[in-house]
């Protein structure tokens, strides 16, 4: 098959050359053809012969060379071009920027809201960081006490229909067997809670218990050794057999910029927690925003606020 292919290619080559160049000595359009199956012609020669089988092949080669030349010529022009930009920055040519052009942009990324202008100190207060399914992600909540004393997990028993995930804390020890400081959970907030001496903080939590409740709610240092403020929640079994909202205030006796919230007990039983909140009482006009940050934004005097939407669509 290869021999027949080469014979056809050479046959076409000789016919074309005979018509284009009669003086080359080709006397007939049907010359004798030698068998070149074993020749050492290069692949390039075979491709060129194949292109020259018809007159259209010759035209294709010519058009290809012309196109290549044009591209090289155009590239040379592009490389050697020089452009000049003249700018008139004189006061006469300037235009006043409208006052209503300046505003601010808000998007809930990089803790702009939660951990930013929102005054909430508890991170993942609803235990739903892992989504609506269980087991959920409770980070950055941590456990106080080992598995001998306490078992912590999540279930879907919450009183909130839109977020059924709640924290289930099973205490396995009693006042005699539990550590003196009790067992439970803690939350460091966003990079540590900034608790200041003399400030008052509003605590809100939803709780349910399998029996009577004796729960200590404290603001402490990051290692739990320094107690800045504390309050005990004591309730009978009938008072907390269903989900109950509890609110109170804590006044800090010290300052610590790396504090945490602790919920501990030394009473055996099961306690459910959800929507645990700690906020300073001196928020911006009572709207649960950080007063110092909103005051800074207010000082910018923005003429508009843009809230981002999905894929940049507000």
Protein backbone atom coordinates (compact mmCIF):
# COMPACT_ATOMS: atom_id res chain seq x y z
CA UNK A 1 0.00 0.00 0.00
CA UNK A 2 2.83 2.41 0.79
CA UNK A 3 4.46 1.70 -2.61
CA UNK A 4 1.23 2.41 -4.47
CA UNK A 5 0.77 5.63 -2.49
CA UNK A 6 4.29 6.85 -3.35
CA UNK A 7 3.84 5.99 -7.02
CA UNK A 8 0.66 8.07 -7.18
CA UNK A 9 2.35 10.97 -5.44
CA UNK A 10 5.35 10.96 -7.77
CA UNK A 11 3.10 10.57 -10.77
CA UNK A 12 1.18 13.69 -9.78
CA UNK A 13 4.41 15.56 -9.10
CA UNK A 14 5.83 14.86 -12.56
CA UNK A 15 2.58 15.80 -14.31
CA UNK A 16 2.42 19.12 -12.50
CA UNK A 17 6.06 19.94 -13.19
CA UNK A 18 5.66 19.03 -16.87
CA UNK A 19 2.79 21.47 -17.25
CA UNK A 20 4.38 24.27 -15.33
CA UNK A 21 7.96 23.83 -16.65
CA UNK A 22 8.00 22.20 -20.12
CA UNK A 23 11.73 22.82 -20.46
CA UNK A 24 12.68 20.51 -17.65
CA UNK A 25 12.84 17.50 -20.01
CA UNK A 26 9.61 15.74 -19.11
CA UNK A 27 8.34 14.68 -22.53
CA UNK A 28 5.14 13.01 -21.53
CA UNK A 29 2.44 13.39 -18.88
CA UNK A 30 2.63 9.62 -18.44
CA UNK A 31 6.35 8.98 -17.75
CA UNK A 32 7.79 5.84 -16.36
CA UNK A 33 7.72 5.72 -12.61
CA UNK A 34 10.18 3.95 -10.48
CA UNK A 35 9.20 2.09 -7.39
CA UNK A 36 10.29 4.19 -4.37
CA UNK A 37 8.94 2.06 -1.50
CA UNK A 38 12.45 1.70 -0.08
CA UNK A 39 13.56 5.29 -0.73
CA UNK A 40 14.84 7.48 2.09
CA UNK A 41 12.76 10.51 1.28
CA UNK A 42 11.87 12.58 4.35
CA UNK A 43 8.39 12.92 5.82
CA UNK A 44 8.42 16.53 4.75
CA UNK A 45 8.95 15.50 1.09
CA UNK A 46 5.99 13.10 1.31
CA UNK A 47 3.72 15.81 2.71
CA UNK A 48 4.73 18.27 -0.01
CA UNK A 49 4.17 15.68 -2.73
CA UNK A 50 0.74 14.92 -1.29
CA UNK A 51 -0.19 18.58 -1.37
CA UNK A 52 0.92 18.82 -5.02
CA UNK A 53 -1.31 16.00 -6.25
CA UNK A 54 -3.64 18.60 -7.71
CA UNK A 55 -3.44 22.22 -8.71
CA UNK A 56 -5.47 23.08 -5.58
CA UNK A 57 -2.58 21.78 -3.49
CA UNK A 58 -0.24 24.27 -5.14
CA UNK A 59 -2.73 27.06 -4.50
CA UNK A 60 -3.01 26.01 -0.86
CA UNK A 61 0.79 26.21 -0.45
CA UNK A 62 0.85 29.64 -2.03
CA UNK A 63 -1.97 30.94 0.17
CA UNK A 64 -0.30 29.51 3.26
CA UNK A 65 2.98 31.30 2.49
CA UNK A 66 1.18 34.58 1.80
CA UNK A 67 -0.76 34.31 5.07
CA UNK A 68 2.40 33.57 7.06
CA UNK A 69 4.17 36.56 5.50
CA UNK A 70 1.26 38.86 6.33
CA UNK A 71 1.24 37.72 9.96
CA UNK A 72 4.97 38.32 10.30
CA UNK A 73 4.59 41.76 8.74
CA UNK A 74 1.69 42.63 11.07
CA UNK A 75 3.65 41.43 14.13
CA UNK A 76 6.59 43.60 13.10
CA UNK A 77 4.30 46.62 12.84
CA UNK A 78 2.75 45.87 16.25
CA UNK A 79 6.12 45.51 17.98
CA UNK A 80 7.48 48.73 16.55
CA UNK A 81 4.44 50.89 17.21
CA UNK A 82 4.76 53.82 19.61
CA UNK A 83 1.77 55.49 21.27
CA UNK A 84 1.60 58.81 23.09
CA UNK A 85 -1.00 59.80 25.71
CA UNK A 86 -1.39 63.48 26.53
CA UNK A 87 -3.03 64.36 29.85
CA UNK A 88 -4.27 67.80 30.71
CA UNK A 89 -4.33 68.04 34.52
CA UNK A 90 -4.86 71.76 34.73
CA UNK A 91 -7.57 73.06 37.13
CA UNK A 92 -9.50 74.46 34.19
CA UNK A 93 -9.94 71.01 32.66
CA UNK A 94 -11.06 69.30 35.92
CA UNK A 95 -14.61 68.41 36.85
CA UNK A 96 -16.04 68.41 40.36
CA UNK A 97 -16.90 64.96 41.72
CA UNK A 98 -20.51 64.87 43.00
CA UNK A 99 -20.90 64.49 46.78
CA UNK A 100 -23.41 61.69 46.37
CA UNK A 101 -20.82 59.51 44.60
CA UNK A 102 -19.14 58.39 47.84
CA UNK A 103 -20.62 55.56 49.89
CA UNK A 104 -19.73 52.30 51.58
CA UNK A 105 -19.93 48.66 50.58
CA UNK A 106 -20.89 45.86 52.97
CA UNK A 107 -20.59 42.13 52.43
CA UNK A 108 -20.57 39.41 55.09
CA UNK A 109 -17.07 38.09 54.38
CA UNK A 110 -13.95 38.07 56.56
CA UNK A 111 -16.13 38.63 59.66
CA UNK A 112 -17.39 42.02 58.51
CA UNK A 113 -20.70 41.28 60.24
CA UNK A 114 -20.32 38.38 62.68
CA UNK A 115 -17.20 39.24 64.65
CA UNK A 116 -17.25 42.76 63.16
CA UNK A 117 -19.95 45.40 63.44
CA UNK A 118 -22.32 42.92 65.10
CA UNK A 119 -21.86 43.14 68.87
CA UNK A 120 -22.36 39.39 69.46
CA UNK A 121 -19.36 37.97 71.35
CA UNK A 122 -20.25 34.27 70.98
CA UNK A 123 -19.13 32.58 67.77
CA UNK A 124 -21.45 29.86 66.39
CA UNK A 125 -24.01 30.57 69.08
CA UNK A 126 -26.58 28.25 67.49
CA UNK A 127 -24.20 25.29 66.97
CA UNK A 128 -25.14 25.26 63.27
CA UNK A 129 -21.70 25.85 61.69
CA UNK A 130 -21.92 22.36 60.22
CA UNK A 131 -25.29 23.00 58.60
CA UNK A 132 -28.76 21.67 59.39
CA UNK A 133 -27.72 18.03 59.74
CA UNK A 134 -26.20 16.23 62.68
CA UNK A 135 -23.60 15.65 63.88
CA UNK A 136 -22.90 19.34 63.33
CA UNK A 137 -19.73 21.38 63.66
CA UNK A 138 -19.61 23.12 67.04
CA UNK A 139 -16.31 24.97 66.51
CA UNK A 140 -15.03 27.04 68.20
CA UNK A 141 -16.85 25.59 71.20
CA UNK A 142 -14.63 23.42 73.38
CA UNK A 143 -15.29 20.83 76.08
CA UNK A 144 -14.31 21.21 79.72
CA UNK A 145 -13.63 17.79 81.24
CA UNK A 146 -12.75 14.46 79.69
CA UNK A 147 -15.05 11.72 78.37
CA UNK A 148 -15.14 10.11 81.80
CA UNK A 149 -17.15 13.07 83.10
CA UNK A 150 -19.01 14.46 80.09
CA UNK A 151 -20.30 13.52 76.64
CA UNK A 152 -21.08 16.35 74.18
CA UNK A 153 -22.83 16.00 70.83
CA UNK A 154 -25.51 17.67 68.67
CA UNK A 155 -29.06 16.57 67.90
CA UNK A 156 -32.14 18.05 66.22
CA UNK A 157 -34.23 18.82 69.29
CA UNK A 158 -34.09 22.64 69.19
CA UNK A 159 -37.16 24.78 69.72
CA UNK A 160 -36.26 26.84 66.62
CA UNK A 161 -38.00 25.47 63.54
CA UNK A 162 -35.56 27.06 61.11
CA UNK A 163 -32.56 25.61 62.90
CA UNK A 164 -33.25 22.35 64.67
CA UNK A 165 -29.64 21.73 65.72
CA UNK A 166 -28.95 21.99 69.46
CA UNK A 167 -26.10 21.03 71.77
CA UNK A 168 -26.66 17.99 74.00
CA UNK A 169 -24.43 17.86 77.07
CA UNK A 170 -24.61 14.66 79.11
CA UNK A 171 -22.92 14.98 82.50
CA UNK A 172 -21.80 11.58 83.81
CA UNK A 173 -20.54 12.65 87.24
CA UNK A 174 -22.16 14.01 90.40
CA UNK A 175 -20.89 16.64 92.85
CA UNK A 176 -18.72 14.04 94.56
CA UNK A 177 -17.09 12.66 91.41
CA UNK A 178 -16.92 15.77 89.22
CA UNK A 179 -13.90 18.11 89.23
CA UNK A 180 -14.21 21.03 91.65
CA UNK A 181 -14.58 23.54 88.80
CA UNK A 182 -17.25 21.40 87.13
CA UNK A 183 -17.53 20.16 83.55
CA UNK A 184 -19.17 21.70 80.52
CA UNK A 185 -18.37 23.74 77.43
CA UNK A 186 -16.69 27.06 76.62
CA UNK A 187 -16.66 29.53 73.74
CA UNK A 188 -13.69 31.86 72.99
CA UNK A 189 -15.69 34.05 70.62
CA UNK A 190 -13.89 35.58 67.66
CA UNK A 191 -10.17 35.61 68.51
CA UNK A 192 -10.99 35.92 72.20
CA UNK A 193 -13.68 38.06 73.86
CA UNK A 194 -12.66 41.57 74.86
CA UNK A 195 -14.16 41.86 78.35
CA UNK A 196 -13.67 45.21 80.09
CA UNK A 197 -13.87 46.03 83.78
CA UNK A 198 -17.05 47.79 84.84
CA UNK A 199 -18.92 46.95 81.65
CA UNK A 200 -22.21 45.10 81.72
CA UNK A 201 -22.94 42.21 79.38
CA UNK A 202 -26.33 40.76 78.52
CA UNK A 203 -26.49 36.95 78.49
CA UNK A 204 -29.30 35.10 76.71
CA UNK A 205 -29.56 31.33 76.29
CA UNK A 206 -32.17 28.67 75.65
CA UNK A 207 -31.92 25.63 77.88
CA UNK A 208 -33.70 22.34 78.55
CA UNK A 209 -32.80 19.69 81.13
CA UNK A 210 -33.68 16.10 81.96
CA UNK A 211 -33.86 17.04 85.65
CA UNK A 212 -33.19 19.95 87.97
CA UNK A 213 -30.66 22.47 86.72
CA UNK A 214 -27.62 23.99 88.40
CA UNK A 215 -25.57 25.67 85.68
CA UNK A 216 -22.77 28.19 86.18
CA UNK A 217 -22.37 30.84 83.44
CA UNK A 218 -19.04 32.68 83.65
CA UNK A 219 -16.77 35.05 81.77
CA UNK A 220 -13.21 33.91 82.39
CA UNK A 221 -9.69 34.20 81.05
CA UNK A 222 -8.71 31.97 78.12
CA UNK A 223 -7.44 29.26 80.47
CA UNK A 224 -10.41 29.50 82.84
CA UNK A 225 -8.23 30.44 85.80
CA UNK A 226 -9.45 34.05 86.16
CA UNK A 227 -13.17 34.64 86.67
CA UNK A 228 -14.30 38.08 85.53
CA UNK A 229 -18.05 37.62 86.10
CA UNK A 230 -20.32 34.72 86.98
CA UNK A 231 -23.94 33.75 87.63
CA UNK A 232 -25.63 30.48 88.61
CA UNK A 233 -28.83 29.31 86.94
CA UNK A 234 -30.83 27.18 89.38
CA UNK A 235 -34.17 25.72 88.32
CA UNK A 236 -36.39 22.78 89.21
CA UNK A 237 -37.02 19.94 86.79
CA UNK A 238 -40.51 21.22 85.98
CA UNK A 239 -39.17 24.67 85.10
CA UNK A 240 -36.73 23.41 82.47
CA UNK A 241 -38.39 20.21 81.24
CA UNK A 242 -39.15 22.13 78.03
CA UNK A 243 -37.09 24.72 76.22
CA UNK A 244 -36.81 27.84 78.37
CA UNK A 245 -35.32 31.23 77.50
CA UNK A 246 -33.14 32.66 80.28
CA UNK A 247 -31.76 36.22 80.38
CA UNK A 248 -29.55 38.04 82.87
CA UNK A 249 -26.67 40.51 83.01
CA UNK A 250 -23.05 40.11 84.09
CA UNK A 251 -20.85 42.98 85.26
CA UNK A 252 -17.17 42.37 84.77
CA UNK A 253 -14.81 42.81 87.72
CA UNK A 254 -11.71 42.84 85.52
CA UNK A 255 -10.36 43.40 82.01
CA UNK A 256 -9.10 40.69 79.69
CA UNK A 257 -8.92 40.99 75.90
CA UNK A 258 -8.65 37.22 75.47
CA UNK A 259 -11.60 35.99 77.53
CA UNK A 260 -14.15 33.22 77.00
CA UNK A 261 -17.64 32.18 78.06
CA UNK A 262 -17.98 29.06 80.24
CA UNK A 263 -21.07 26.94 80.96
CA UNK A 264 -20.31 24.38 83.66
CA UNK A 265 -22.05 22.12 86.15
CA UNK A 266 -21.29 19.26 88.53
CA UNK A 267 -24.77 17.73 88.56
CA UNK A 268 -25.45 14.49 86.74
CA UNK A 269 -28.01 14.64 83.91
CA UNK A 270 -28.59 15.84 80.37
CA UNK A 271 -28.67 19.54 79.46
CA UNK A 272 -29.59 20.92 76.02
CA UNK A 273 -28.38 24.38 74.94
CA UNK A 274 -29.14 26.59 71.96
CA UNK A 275 -28.73 30.22 70.82
CA UNK A 276 -26.28 31.19 73.54
CA UNK A 277 -25.56 34.92 73.35
CA UNK A 278 -23.34 37.45 75.14
CA UNK A 279 -23.47 41.12 74.14
CA UNK A 280 -22.33 44.37 75.74
CA UNK A 281 -25.26 46.51 76.81
CA UNK A 282 -23.79 49.72 75.38
CA UNK A 283 -24.45 48.91 71.73
CA UNK A 284 -25.08 51.57 69.08
CA UNK A 285 -28.46 53.09 69.94
CA UNK A 286 -29.49 49.70 71.34
CA UNK A 287 -29.43 48.05 67.92
CA UNK A 288 -26.90 45.29 68.75
CA UNK A 289 -24.09 46.91 66.74
CA UNK A 290 -20.66 47.76 68.10
CA UNK A 291 -20.79 51.40 69.05
CA UNK A 292 -17.17 52.25 68.22
CA UNK A 293 -17.28 50.75 64.72
CA UNK A 294 -20.64 52.20 63.71
CA UNK A 295 -19.50 55.61 64.98
CA UNK A 296 -16.46 55.41 62.69
CA UNK A 297 -18.67 54.54 59.71
CA UNK A 298 -21.02 57.35 60.66
CA UNK A 299 -18.07 59.75 60.64
CA UNK A 300 -17.38 58.91 56.97
CA UNK A 301 -20.84 60.32 56.18
CA UNK A 302 -21.56 57.90 53.34
CA UNK A 303 -24.29 58.93 50.92
CA UNK A 304 -25.30 55.34 50.26
CA UNK A 305 -24.73 51.76 51.47
CA UNK A 306 -24.39 48.91 48.98
CA UNK A 307 -25.18 45.38 50.12
CA UNK A 308 -23.72 42.65 47.94
CA UNK A 309 -25.82 39.86 46.50
CA UNK A 310 -25.09 36.51 44.88
CA UNK A 311 -22.53 36.83 42.03
CA UNK A 312 -22.37 40.58 42.56
CA UNK A 313 -26.08 41.13 42.04
CA UNK A 314 -27.36 43.47 44.73
